[in-house]
């Protein structure tokens, strides 16, 4: 099976993301589920920072800063199909 990469990411309201993968499947992912487990994600409650999200590492992740990123596997496995 071919490895699925992130093709595009769009910030939505309330710490949600719309993530499009290389196989054209789109998923919604709520970043707030990471706040309690990983405190460095709490910074993403700032809308200006949250809106700077970009595809990173050739589609293997999305990132806001070098310290704040999410892998394509996490997005794929825990995102909700739309």
N, C-alpha and C. Protein backbone atom coordinates (compact mmCIF):
# COMPACT_ATOMS: atom_id res chain seq x y z
N UNK A 1 0.83 -1.19 0.00
CA UNK A 1 0.00 0.00 0.00
C UNK A 1 0.87 1.25 0.00
N UNK A 2 0.50 2.21 -0.82
CA UNK A 2 1.25 3.45 -0.92
C UNK A 2 1.06 4.29 0.33
N UNK A 3 2.12 4.95 0.77
CA UNK A 3 2.07 5.79 1.96
C UNK A 3 1.26 7.05 1.65
N UNK A 4 0.29 7.36 2.49
CA UNK A 4 -0.57 8.52 2.28
C UNK A 4 0.08 9.75 2.91
N UNK A 5 0.12 10.83 2.18
CA UNK A 5 0.71 12.09 2.63
C UNK A 5 -0.36 13.16 2.74
N UNK A 6 -0.07 14.20 3.51
CA UNK A 6 -0.95 15.36 3.58
C UNK A 6 -0.71 16.20 2.33
N UNK A 7 -1.78 16.52 1.65
CA UNK A 7 -1.71 17.35 0.44
C UNK A 7 -1.99 18.82 0.76
N UNK A 8 -2.95 19.04 1.66
CA UNK A 8 -3.35 20.41 1.99
C UNK A 8 -3.95 20.44 3.39
N UNK A 9 -3.79 21.55 4.09
CA UNK A 9 -4.41 21.73 5.40
C UNK A 9 -4.98 23.13 5.48
N UNK A 10 -6.21 23.22 6.01
CA UNK A 10 -6.90 24.49 6.15
C UNK A 10 -7.37 24.64 7.59
N UNK A 11 -6.99 25.73 8.26
CA UNK A 11 -7.49 25.94 9.62
C UNK A 11 -8.96 26.32 9.57
N UNK A 12 -9.74 25.75 10.48
CA UNK A 12 -11.15 26.06 10.63
C UNK A 12 -11.33 26.74 11.99
N UNK A 13 -12.54 26.92 12.42
CA UNK A 13 -12.82 27.52 13.73
C UNK A 13 -12.67 26.49 14.83
N UNK A 14 -12.47 26.98 16.05
CA UNK A 14 -12.44 26.14 17.25
C UNK A 14 -11.38 25.05 17.21
N UNK A 15 -10.19 25.37 16.81
CA UNK A 15 -9.04 24.46 16.76
C UNK A 15 -9.26 23.22 15.90
N UNK A 16 -10.11 23.34 14.89
CA UNK A 16 -10.31 22.24 13.95
C UNK A 16 -9.56 22.53 12.65
N UNK A 17 -9.14 21.45 12.02
CA UNK A 17 -8.44 21.52 10.75
C UNK A 17 -9.18 20.70 9.70
N UNK A 18 -9.14 21.15 8.47
CA UNK A 18 -9.58 20.35 7.34
C UNK A 18 -8.31 19.87 6.65
N UNK A 19 -8.13 18.55 6.62
CA UNK A 19 -6.91 17.97 6.08
C UNK A 19 -7.25 17.16 4.84
N UNK A 20 -6.59 17.47 3.72
CA UNK A 20 -6.76 16.70 2.49
C UNK A 20 -5.51 15.87 2.28
N UNK A 21 -5.72 14.58 2.02
CA UNK A 21 -4.61 13.65 1.83
C UNK A 21 -4.35 13.40 0.36
N UNK A 22 -3.22 12.79 0.06
CA UNK A 22 -2.80 12.55 -1.32
C UNK A 22 -3.74 11.61 -2.07
N UNK A 23 -4.58 10.87 -1.36
CA UNK A 23 -5.56 9.99 -2.01
C UNK A 23 -6.92 10.68 -2.17
N UNK A 24 -6.96 12.00 -1.98
CA UNK A 24 -8.14 12.87 -2.12
C UNK A 24 -9.16 12.73 -1.00
N UNK A 25 -8.89 11.94 0.02
CA UNK A 25 -9.79 11.85 1.17
C UNK A 25 -9.56 13.07 2.05
N UNK A 26 -10.67 13.62 2.56
CA UNK A 26 -10.61 14.78 3.45
C UNK A 26 -11.10 14.36 4.83
N UNK A 27 -10.42 14.89 5.83
CA UNK A 27 -10.79 14.60 7.21
C UNK A 27 -10.75 15.88 8.02
N UNK A 28 -11.59 15.91 9.05
CA UNK A 28 -11.58 17.00 10.01
C UNK A 28 -10.85 16.50 11.25
N UNK A 29 -9.96 17.32 11.78
CA UNK A 29 -9.17 16.94 12.95
C UNK A 29 -9.25 18.06 13.97
N UNK A 30 -9.60 17.73 15.21
CA UNK A 30 -9.69 18.70 16.29
C UNK A 30 -8.42 18.64 17.14
N UNK A 31 -7.61 19.68 17.04
CA UNK A 31 -6.34 19.75 17.74
C UNK A 31 -6.52 19.80 19.26
N UNK A 32 -7.67 20.27 19.74
CA UNK A 32 -7.87 20.42 21.18
C UNK A 32 -7.76 19.10 21.93
N UNK A 33 -7.93 17.97 21.25
CA UNK A 33 -7.80 16.67 21.91
C UNK A 33 -6.36 16.42 22.40
N UNK A 34 -5.42 17.20 21.92
CA UNK A 34 -4.01 17.04 22.31
C UNK A 34 -3.63 17.92 23.51
N UNK A 35 -4.47 18.88 23.88
CA UNK A 35 -4.11 19.88 24.89
C UNK A 35 -3.76 19.27 26.25
N UNK A 36 -4.52 18.30 26.71
CA UNK A 36 -4.27 17.75 28.05
C UNK A 36 -3.08 16.81 28.07
N UNK A 37 -2.88 16.08 27.00
CA UNK A 37 -1.77 15.12 26.95
C UNK A 37 -0.43 15.78 26.64
N UNK A 38 -0.46 16.79 25.81
CA UNK A 38 0.77 17.44 25.33
C UNK A 38 0.63 18.96 25.51
N UNK A 39 1.08 19.49 26.64
CA UNK A 39 0.85 20.91 26.97
C UNK A 39 1.36 21.91 25.93
N UNK A 40 2.38 21.57 25.15
CA UNK A 40 2.88 22.56 24.18
C UNK A 40 1.87 22.88 23.09
N UNK A 41 0.85 22.03 22.90
CA UNK A 41 -0.19 22.31 21.91
C UNK A 41 -1.16 23.40 22.38
N UNK A 42 -1.19 23.70 23.68
CA UNK A 42 -2.10 24.72 24.21
C UNK A 42 -1.86 26.07 23.53
N UNK A 43 -0.64 26.33 23.09
CA UNK A 43 -0.33 27.58 22.38
C UNK A 43 -1.22 27.76 21.15
N UNK A 44 -1.74 26.66 20.62
CA UNK A 44 -2.57 26.73 19.41
C UNK A 44 -3.98 27.27 19.69
N UNK A 45 -4.28 27.57 20.95
CA UNK A 45 -5.53 28.25 21.25
C UNK A 45 -5.49 29.70 20.76
N UNK A 46 -4.30 30.19 20.48
CA UNK A 46 -4.14 31.51 19.88
C UNK A 46 -4.49 31.41 18.40
N UNK A 47 -5.59 32.07 18.01
CA UNK A 47 -6.04 31.97 16.62
C UNK A 47 -5.00 32.43 15.60
N UNK A 48 -4.29 33.55 15.85
CA UNK A 48 -3.26 33.94 14.88
C UNK A 48 -2.19 32.85 14.66
N UNK A 49 -1.75 32.20 15.74
CA UNK A 49 -0.78 31.12 15.59
C UNK A 49 -1.43 29.92 14.90
N UNK A 50 -2.62 29.54 15.35
CA UNK A 50 -3.31 28.38 14.78
C UNK A 50 -3.46 28.52 13.27
N UNK A 51 -3.75 29.72 12.81
CA UNK A 51 -3.98 29.95 11.38
C UNK A 51 -2.72 29.91 10.53
N UNK A 52 -1.55 29.77 11.13
CA UNK A 52 -0.30 29.71 10.36
C UNK A 52 0.07 28.28 9.95
N UNK A 53 -0.78 27.31 10.21
CA UNK A 53 -0.49 25.90 9.92
C UNK A 53 -0.12 25.71 8.45
N UNK A 54 0.87 24.83 8.22
CA UNK A 54 1.34 24.52 6.86
C UNK A 54 1.67 23.04 6.76
N UNK A 55 1.60 22.53 5.53
CA UNK A 55 2.07 21.18 5.26
C UNK A 55 3.59 21.20 5.40
N UNK A 56 4.15 20.20 6.04
CA UNK A 56 5.58 20.16 6.32
C UNK A 56 6.16 18.81 5.94
N UNK A 57 7.44 18.73 5.80
CA UNK A 57 8.18 17.48 5.56
C UNK A 57 7.64 16.72 4.34
N UNK A 58 7.32 17.44 3.28
CA UNK A 58 6.85 16.80 2.06
C UNK A 58 5.53 16.07 2.23
N UNK A 59 4.72 16.51 3.19
CA UNK A 59 3.42 15.89 3.42
C UNK A 59 3.42 14.86 4.54
N UNK A 60 4.54 14.67 5.19
CA UNK A 60 4.62 13.70 6.30
C UNK A 60 4.11 14.29 7.60
N UNK A 61 3.82 15.60 7.61
CA UNK A 61 3.33 16.27 8.82
C UNK A 61 2.72 17.61 8.44
N UNK A 62 2.09 18.22 9.44
CA UNK A 62 1.73 19.63 9.36
C UNK A 62 2.43 20.30 10.52
N UNK A 63 2.68 21.61 10.40
CA UNK A 63 3.44 22.28 11.46
C UNK A 63 3.03 23.74 11.58
N UNK A 64 3.21 24.23 12.79
CA UNK A 64 3.04 25.64 13.10
C UNK A 64 4.39 26.27 13.39
N UNK A 65 5.20 25.56 14.16
CA UNK A 65 6.54 25.99 14.52
C UNK A 65 7.42 24.74 14.49
N UNK A 66 8.72 24.89 14.61
CA UNK A 66 9.57 23.69 14.66
C UNK A 66 9.24 22.77 15.84
N UNK A 67 8.66 23.32 16.90
CA UNK A 67 8.33 22.52 18.08
C UNK A 67 6.90 21.99 18.07
N UNK A 68 6.03 22.55 17.25
CA UNK A 68 4.62 22.16 17.25
C UNK A 68 4.24 21.63 15.87
N UNK A 69 4.07 20.31 15.81
CA UNK A 69 3.67 19.67 14.56
C UNK A 69 2.82 18.44 14.86
N UNK A 70 2.21 17.91 13.82
CA UNK A 70 1.40 16.69 13.94
C UNK A 70 1.69 15.82 12.73
N UNK A 71 1.93 14.56 12.95
CA UNK A 71 2.27 13.64 11.86
C UNK A 71 1.05 13.29 11.02
N UNK A 72 1.31 12.89 9.80
CA UNK A 72 0.21 12.46 8.91
C UNK A 72 -0.50 11.24 9.46
N UNK A 73 0.21 10.38 10.17
CA UNK A 73 -0.41 9.19 10.76
C UNK A 73 -1.45 9.57 11.81
N UNK A 74 -1.11 10.50 12.68
CA UNK A 74 -2.06 10.97 13.70
C UNK A 74 -3.29 11.58 13.05
N UNK A 75 -3.08 12.42 12.05
CA UNK A 75 -4.19 13.06 11.36
C UNK A 75 -5.08 12.03 10.66
N UNK A 76 -4.45 11.04 10.03
CA UNK A 76 -5.19 10.01 9.30
C UNK A 76 -5.98 9.11 10.25
N UNK A 77 -5.33 8.66 11.31
CA UNK A 77 -5.96 7.70 12.21
C UNK A 77 -7.03 8.32 13.10
N UNK A 78 -6.86 9.58 13.49
CA UNK A 78 -7.78 10.20 14.45
C UNK A 78 -8.63 11.33 13.87
N UNK A 79 -8.48 11.58 12.58
CA UNK A 79 -9.35 12.53 11.91
C UNK A 79 -10.69 11.88 11.57
N UNK A 80 -11.70 12.71 11.38
CA UNK A 80 -13.05 12.23 11.07
C UNK A 80 -13.31 12.45 9.59
N UNK A 81 -13.67 11.39 8.87
CA UNK A 81 -13.97 11.50 7.44
C UNK A 81 -15.11 12.48 7.21
N UNK A 82 -14.97 13.28 6.16
CA UNK A 82 -16.06 14.18 5.79
C UNK A 82 -16.43 13.95 4.33
